[in-house]
Protein backbone atom coordinates (compact mmCIF):
# COMPACT_ATOMS: atom_id res chain seq x y z
CA MET A 1 -38.23 -41.26 -6.82
CA ALA A 2 -41.30 -39.22 -7.84
CA LYS A 3 -42.49 -36.39 -5.69
CA LYS A 4 -46.01 -36.54 -4.31
CA ASN A 5 -47.22 -33.67 -6.46
CA ASP A 6 -45.88 -35.16 -9.72
CA ILE A 7 -48.45 -36.33 -12.26
CA PRO A 8 -48.53 -40.15 -12.30
CA SER A 9 -47.43 -41.88 -15.47
CA VAL A 10 -50.51 -42.48 -17.65
CA LYS A 11 -51.17 -44.26 -20.93
CA ASN A 12 -54.21 -42.23 -21.94
CA GLU A 13 -53.38 -38.62 -21.16
CA GLU A 14 -56.66 -37.28 -22.65
CA GLN A 15 -58.79 -39.52 -20.49
CA TYR A 16 -56.65 -38.74 -17.40
CA GLU A 17 -57.18 -34.98 -17.89
CA ALA A 18 -60.96 -35.47 -18.41
CA LEU A 19 -61.17 -37.43 -15.13
CA ARG A 20 -59.17 -34.80 -13.29
CA ASP A 21 -61.55 -32.13 -14.67
CA LYS A 22 -64.42 -34.14 -13.18
CA GLY A 23 -62.77 -34.02 -9.76
CA TYR A 24 -61.16 -37.46 -9.57
CA SER A 25 -57.92 -37.77 -7.62
CA LYS A 26 -54.62 -38.03 -9.49
CA GLU A 27 -54.25 -41.66 -8.39
CA LYS A 28 -57.78 -42.75 -9.36
CA SER A 29 -57.53 -40.91 -12.69
CA ALA A 30 -54.28 -42.60 -13.46
CA ARG A 31 -55.60 -46.06 -12.50
CA ILE A 32 -58.57 -45.61 -14.85
CA ALA A 33 -56.56 -44.14 -17.66
CA ASN A 34 -54.04 -47.02 -17.47
CA THR A 35 -56.69 -49.73 -17.54
CA PRO A 36 -56.92 -51.40 -20.97
CA ASP A 37 -60.33 -50.76 -22.63
CA SER A 38 -61.33 -48.40 -19.80
CA GLY A 39 -63.36 -46.20 -22.10
CA LYS A 40 -65.39 -49.03 -23.56
CA LYS A 41 -68.70 -50.29 -22.31
CA GLY A 42 -69.67 -53.90 -22.22
CA GLY A 43 -69.52 -55.20 -18.64
CA LYS A 44 -72.12 -57.73 -17.70
CA ALA A 45 -72.31 -56.99 -13.99
CA ASP A 46 -75.64 -56.10 -12.42
CA THR A 47 -76.15 -52.50 -11.43
CA TYR A 48 -75.77 -51.87 -7.76
CA GLU A 49 -79.48 -51.22 -7.45
CA ASP A 50 -80.19 -54.76 -8.78
CA ARG A 51 -77.93 -56.40 -6.21
CA THR A 52 -78.98 -57.47 -2.76
CA LYS A 53 -77.77 -55.68 0.38
CA ASP A 54 -75.72 -58.78 1.24
CA GLU A 55 -74.04 -58.69 -2.19
CA LEU A 56 -73.26 -55.04 -1.74
CA TYR A 57 -71.90 -55.65 1.79
CA LYS A 58 -69.60 -58.35 0.43
CA GLN A 59 -68.34 -56.04 -2.29
CA ALA A 60 -67.79 -53.22 0.24
CA LYS A 61 -65.84 -55.67 2.45
CA LYS A 62 -63.75 -56.71 -0.53
CA VAL A 63 -62.72 -53.18 -1.34
CA GLY A 64 -62.21 -52.20 2.30
CA ILE A 65 -65.04 -49.71 2.99
CA ASP A 66 -65.09 -48.81 6.67
CA GLY A 67 -68.40 -48.65 8.52
CA ARG A 68 -70.14 -50.95 6.03
CA SER A 69 -71.86 -53.03 8.73
CA ASN A 70 -73.98 -50.03 9.79
CA MET A 71 -74.85 -48.86 6.22
CA SER A 72 -78.13 -49.17 4.52
CA LYS A 73 -78.34 -50.47 0.94
CA LYS A 74 -78.48 -46.92 -0.39
CA GLU A 75 -75.44 -45.94 1.73
CA LEU A 76 -73.51 -49.02 0.54
CA ILE A 77 -74.21 -48.08 -3.09
CA LYS A 78 -73.04 -44.54 -2.55
CA ALA A 79 -69.85 -45.72 -0.75
CA LEU A 80 -69.09 -48.25 -3.57
CA ARG A 81 -69.57 -45.60 -6.24
CA ASN A 82 -67.28 -43.14 -4.49
CA ASN A 83 -64.57 -45.63 -3.72
């Protein structure tokens, strides 16, 4: 069993280290670095700013952001980006 302070197993060590240098947590860095094609652009999703507050709320609910019902659109965007 791995200790809590052990570095998670990652497929892209260089990307993992770059994310850690930016301040991401070990877990989030590992998730991103282990995602296939994580360094490539090409998604077709609208930016958060182009979405309605209701769409942002639904996304926040989907990912489990607490306090979302009292958040403004700007606050929802910030919470989703920091999740």
